[in-house]
Amino acid sequence: MPDDVAKYRVLVVDDDVLQLDVVSRTLRAFGFEVATSQSAIGVTNSVRAFKPDVVLVDVNIPEMSGDKVVEVVRRLSQGAARYVFYSACDEATLRKLAAQSRADGWITKSTVGLELAAKLRTFCAVAPRAGSIPDW
């Protein structure tokens, strides 16, 4: 594990407790600092307190859809976080949703392990809202 990875902080927002556990364990194994939120409620406060490099957001959260979470949190919180959808939705849907909501990108939930860590490192290395969304 490269030494520079430990500096990256990821906030994972997903209503599925098992998914939160798997993703957080995986990312920690690759040296990321991870916080989780099982609800869309309070994500703005979590972003302010944790100051993540990336907020990984599920699209289908009961209280508020992922695109709305991104819009609201981006507007109300300050900081340089990148907002990335992480969903089982098909890639075309994620690409469209990310573009419409001004998310910084998207990753499908079929992306796991080393591939997930590598993609998150890429998002961490670019400026937020860079205008181009990686096409994965």
C-alpha atoms as a PDB file:
ATOM      1  CA  MET A   1       0.000   0.000   0.000  1.00  0.00           C
ATOM      2  CA  PRO A   2       1.512   3.361  -1.025  1.00  0.00           C
ATOM      3  CA  ASP A   3       2.222   5.813   1.783  1.00  0.00           C
ATOM      4  CA  ASP A   4       0.330   8.669   0.107  1.00  0.00           C
ATOM      5  CA  VAL A   5      -3.011   6.827   0.108  1.00  0.00           C
ATOM      6  CA  ALA A   6      -3.545   7.276   3.865  1.00  0.00           C
ATOM      7  CA  LYS A   7      -4.151  10.992   3.384  1.00  0.00           C
ATOM      8  CA  TYR A   8      -7.318  10.363   1.376  1.00  0.00           C
ATOM      9  CA  ARG A   9     -10.597  10.573   3.273  1.00  0.00           C
ATOM     10  CA  VAL A  10     -13.820   9.035   1.977  1.00  0.00           C
ATOM     11  CA  LEU A  11     -17.334   9.475   3.357  1.00  0.00           C
ATOM     12  CA  VAL A  12     -19.597   6.630   2.202  1.00  0.00           C
ATOM     13  CA  VAL A  13     -23.356   7.308   2.197  1.00  0.00           C
ATOM     14  CA  ASP A  14     -25.566   4.241   1.742  1.00  0.00           C
ATOM     15  CA  ASP A  15     -28.732   3.001   3.450  1.00  0.00           C
ATOM     16  CA  ASP A  16     -27.512  -0.620   3.196  1.00  0.00           C
ATOM     17  CA  VAL A  17     -25.574  -1.464   6.382  1.00  0.00           C
ATOM     18  CA  LEU A  18     -23.859  -4.475   4.795  1.00  0.00           C
ATOM     19  CA  GLN A  19     -22.733  -2.393   1.817  1.00  0.00           C
ATOM     20  CA  LEU A  20     -21.361   0.270   4.162  1.00  0.00           C
ATOM     21  CA  ASP A  21     -19.434  -2.388   6.068  1.00  0.00           C
ATOM     22  CA  VAL A  22     -17.959  -4.024   2.965  1.00  0.00           C
ATOM     23  CA  VAL A  23     -16.966  -0.747   1.306  1.00  0.00           C
ATOM     24  CA  SER A  24     -15.504   0.772   4.466  1.00  0.00           C
ATOM     25  CA  ARG A  25     -13.471  -2.380   5.243  1.00  0.00           C
ATOM     26  CA  THR A  26     -12.223  -2.527   1.672  1.00  0.00           C
ATOM     27  CA  LEU A  27     -11.182   1.101   1.567  1.00  0.00           C
ATOM     28  CA  ARG A  28      -9.499   0.916   4.975  1.00  0.00           C
ATOM     29  CA  ALA A  29      -7.552  -2.122   3.752  1.00  0.00           C
ATOM     30  CA  PHE A  30      -6.193   0.086   0.957  1.00  0.00           C
ATOM     31  CA  GLY A  31      -5.213   2.855   3.380  1.00  0.00           C
ATOM     32  CA  PHE A  32      -8.136   5.240   3.087  1.00  0.00           C
ATOM     33  CA  GLU A  33      -9.574   7.005   6.100  1.00  0.00           C
ATOM     34  CA  VAL A  34     -13.313   6.207   6.035  1.00  0.00           C
ATOM     35  CA  ALA A  35     -16.464   7.558   7.659  1.00  0.00           C
ATOM     36  CA  THR A  36     -19.952   6.262   6.913  1.00  0.00           C
ATOM     37  CA  SER A  37     -23.513   7.493   6.984  1.00  0.00           C
ATOM     38  CA  GLN A  38     -26.517   5.213   6.710  1.00  0.00           C
ATOM     39  CA  SER A  39     -28.858   8.138   6.088  1.00  0.00           C
ATOM     40  CA  ALA A  40     -28.995  11.190   3.845  1.00  0.00           C
ATOM     41  CA  ILE A  41     -30.024  13.136   6.932  1.00  0.00           C
ATOM     42  CA  GLY A  42     -26.969  14.791   8.460  1.00  0.00           C
ATOM     43  CA  VAL A  43     -24.604  14.288   5.522  1.00  0.00           C
ATOM     44  CA  THR A  44     -23.902  18.029   5.351  1.00  0.00           C
ATOM     45  CA  ASN A  45     -22.730  17.957   8.980  1.00  0.00           C
ATOM     46  CA  SER A  46     -20.663  14.837   8.303  1.00  0.00           C
ATOM     47  CA  VAL A  47     -18.958  16.548   5.368  1.00  0.00           C
ATOM     48  CA  ARG A  48     -18.210  19.623   7.467  1.00  0.00           C
ATOM     49  CA  ALA A  49     -16.837  17.577  10.375  1.00  0.00           C
ATOM     50  CA  PHE A  50     -14.932  14.837   8.492  1.00  0.00           C
ATOM     51  CA  LYS A  51     -13.733  16.990   5.552  1.00  0.00           C
ATOM     52  CA  PRO A  52     -13.610  14.117   3.054  1.00  0.00           C
ATOM     53  CA  ASP A  53     -11.760  14.188  -0.236  1.00  0.00           C
ATOM     54  CA  VAL A  54     -14.555  12.114  -1.776  1.00  0.00           C
ATOM     55  CA  VAL A  55     -18.189  11.570  -0.789  1.00  0.00           C
ATOM     56  CA  LEU A  56     -19.300   8.232  -2.249  1.00  0.00           C
ATOM     57  CA  VAL A  57     -23.103   8.408  -2.487  1.00  0.00           C
ATOM     58  CA  ASP A  58     -25.607   5.667  -3.228  1.00  0.00           C
ATOM     59  CA  VAL A  59     -28.272   6.853  -5.669  1.00  0.00           C
ATOM     60  CA  ASN A  60     -31.223   5.095  -4.018  1.00  0.00           C
ATOM     61  CA  ILE A  61     -31.487   6.336  -0.448  1.00  0.00           C
ATOM     62  CA  PRO A  62     -35.017   6.348   1.017  1.00  0.00           C
ATOM     63  CA  GLU A  63     -34.959   9.786   2.678  1.00  0.00           C
ATOM     64  CA  MET A  64     -33.505  11.637  -0.295  1.00  0.00           C
ATOM     65  CA  SER A  65     -32.179  10.417  -3.632  1.00  0.00           C
ATOM     66  CA  GLY A  66     -28.426  10.539  -4.150  1.00  0.00           C
ATOM     67  CA  ASP A  67     -28.659  13.296  -6.747  1.00  0.00           C
ATOM     68  CA  LYS A  68     -30.570  15.482  -4.277  1.00  0.00           C
ATOM     69  CA  VAL A  69     -28.010  14.675  -1.557  1.00  0.00           C
ATOM     70  CA  VAL A  70     -25.235  15.916  -3.840  1.00  0.00           C
ATOM     71  CA  GLU A  71     -27.108  19.091  -4.768  1.00  0.00           C
ATOM     72  CA  VAL A  72     -28.008  19.978  -1.171  1.00  0.00           C
ATOM     73  CA  VAL A  73     -24.697  19.063   0.465  1.00  0.00           C
ATOM     74  CA  ARG A  74     -22.641  20.793  -2.202  1.00  0.00           C
ATOM     75  CA  ARG A  75     -24.714  23.961  -1.752  1.00  0.00           C
ATOM     76  CA  LEU A  76     -24.666  23.957   2.082  1.00  0.00           C
ATOM     77  CA  SER A  77     -21.202  22.683   2.897  1.00  0.00           C
ATOM     78  CA  GLN A  78     -17.917  24.276   2.123  1.00  0.00           C
ATOM     79  CA  GLY A  79     -14.838  22.398   1.148  1.00  0.00           C
ATOM     80  CA  ALA A  80     -13.220  20.640  -1.727  1.00  0.00           C
ATOM     81  CA  ALA A  81     -14.979  17.278  -1.601  1.00  0.00           C
ATOM     82  CA  ARG A  82     -15.665  15.401  -4.809  1.00  0.00           C
ATOM     83  CA  TYR A  83     -19.130  13.850  -5.028  1.00  0.00           C
ATOM     84  CA  VAL A  84     -19.232  10.445  -6.695  1.00  0.00           C
ATOM     85  CA  PHE A  85     -22.279   8.233  -7.186  1.00  0.00           C
ATOM     86  CA  TYR A  86     -21.769   4.592  -6.202  1.00  0.00           C
ATOM     87  CA  SER A  87     -24.729   2.560  -7.323  1.00  0.00           C
ATOM     88  CA  ALA A  88     -25.977  -0.659  -8.872  1.00  0.00           C
ATOM     89  CA  CYS A  89     -27.804   1.411 -11.506  1.00  0.00           C
ATOM     90  CA  ASP A  90     -26.696   0.913 -15.082  1.00  0.00           C
ATOM     91  CA  GLU A  91     -23.829   3.043 -16.348  1.00  0.00           C
ATOM     92  CA  ALA A  92     -25.946   5.132 -18.732  1.00  0.00           C
ATOM     93  CA  THR A  93     -28.271   6.126 -15.885  1.00  0.00           C
ATOM     94  CA  LEU A  94     -25.353   6.991 -13.605  1.00  0.00           C
ATOM     95  CA  ARG A  95     -23.597   9.022 -16.287  1.00  0.00           C
ATOM     96  CA  LYS A  96     -26.772  11.042 -16.967  1.00  0.00           C
ATOM     97  CA  LEU A  97     -27.554  11.524 -13.277  1.00  0.00           C
ATOM     98  CA  ALA A  98     -24.001  12.634 -12.514  1.00  0.00           C
ATOM     99  CA  ALA A  99     -24.094  15.189 -15.309  1.00  0.00           C
ATOM    100  CA  GLN A 100     -27.517  16.524 -14.274  1.00  0.00           C
ATOM    101  CA  SER A 101     -26.666  16.864 -10.581  1.00  0.00           C
ATOM    102  CA  ARG A 102     -23.128  18.219 -11.069  1.00  0.00           C
ATOM    103  CA  ALA A 103     -21.605  15.203  -9.350  1.00  0.00           C
ATOM    104  CA  ASP A 104     -17.911  14.748 -10.042  1.00  0.00           C
ATOM    105  CA  GLY A 105     -18.467  11.247 -11.375  1.00  0.00           C
ATOM    106  CA  TRP A 106     -19.819   7.788 -10.790  1.00  0.00           C
ATOM    107  CA  ILE A 107     -18.662   4.253 -10.081  1.00  0.00           C
ATOM    108  CA  THR A 108     -20.825   1.151 -10.335  1.00  0.00           C
ATOM    109  CA  LYS A 109     -21.142  -1.101  -7.289  1.00  0.00           C
ATOM    110  CA  SER A 110     -19.709  -3.937  -9.362  1.00  0.00           C
ATOM    111  CA  THR A 111     -16.397  -2.072  -8.964  1.00  0.00           C
ATOM    112  CA  VAL A 112     -14.706  -3.491  -5.871  1.00  0.00           C
ATOM    113  CA  GLY A 113     -11.362  -4.012  -4.183  1.00  0.00           C
ATOM    114  CA  LEU A 114      -8.238  -2.697  -5.843  1.00  0.00           C
ATOM    115  CA  GLU A 115     -10.208  -1.278  -8.784  1.00  0.00           C
ATOM    116  CA  LEU A 116     -12.458   0.739  -6.462  1.00  0.00           C
ATOM    117  CA  ALA A 117      -9.436   2.046  -4.535  1.00  0.00           C
ATOM    118  CA  ALA A 118      -7.675   3.022  -7.767  1.00  0.00           C
ATOM    119  CA  LYS A 119     -10.702   4.899  -9.096  1.00  0.00           C
ATOM    120  CA  LEU A 120     -11.131   6.751  -5.814  1.00  0.00           C
ATOM    121  CA  ARG A 121      -7.449   7.738  -5.849  1.00  0.00           C
ATOM    122  CA  THR A 122      -8.044   9.177  -9.315  1.00  0.00           C
ATOM    123  CA  PHE A 123     -10.981  11.233  -8.056  1.00  0.00           C
ATOM    124  CA  CYS A 124      -8.905  12.410  -5.083  1.00  0.00           C
ATOM    125  CA  ALA A 125      -6.137  13.565  -7.401  1.00  0.00           C
ATOM    126  CA  VAL A 126      -8.315  15.849  -9.550  1.00  0.00           C
ATOM    127  CA  ALA A 127     -10.008  19.099  -8.644  1.00  0.00           C
ATOM    128  CA  PRO A 128     -13.666  18.870  -7.650  1.00  0.00           C
ATOM    129  CA  ARG A 129     -16.268  19.678 -10.290  1.00  0.00           C
ATOM    130  CA  ALA A 130     -13.603  19.535 -12.960  1.00  0.00           C
ATOM    131  CA  GLY A 131     -16.236  19.408 -15.669  1.00  0.00           C
ATOM    132  CA  SER A 132     -15.255  16.076 -17.124  1.00  0.00           C
ATOM    133  CA  ILE A 133     -16.645  12.922 -15.624  1.00  0.00           C
ATOM    134  CA  PRO A 134     -14.466   9.813 -15.906  1.00  0.00           C
ATOM    135  CA  ASP A 135     -16.254   7.303 -18.122  1.00  0.00           C
ATOM    136  CA  TRP A 136     -15.885   3.950 -16.329  1.00  0.00           C
END
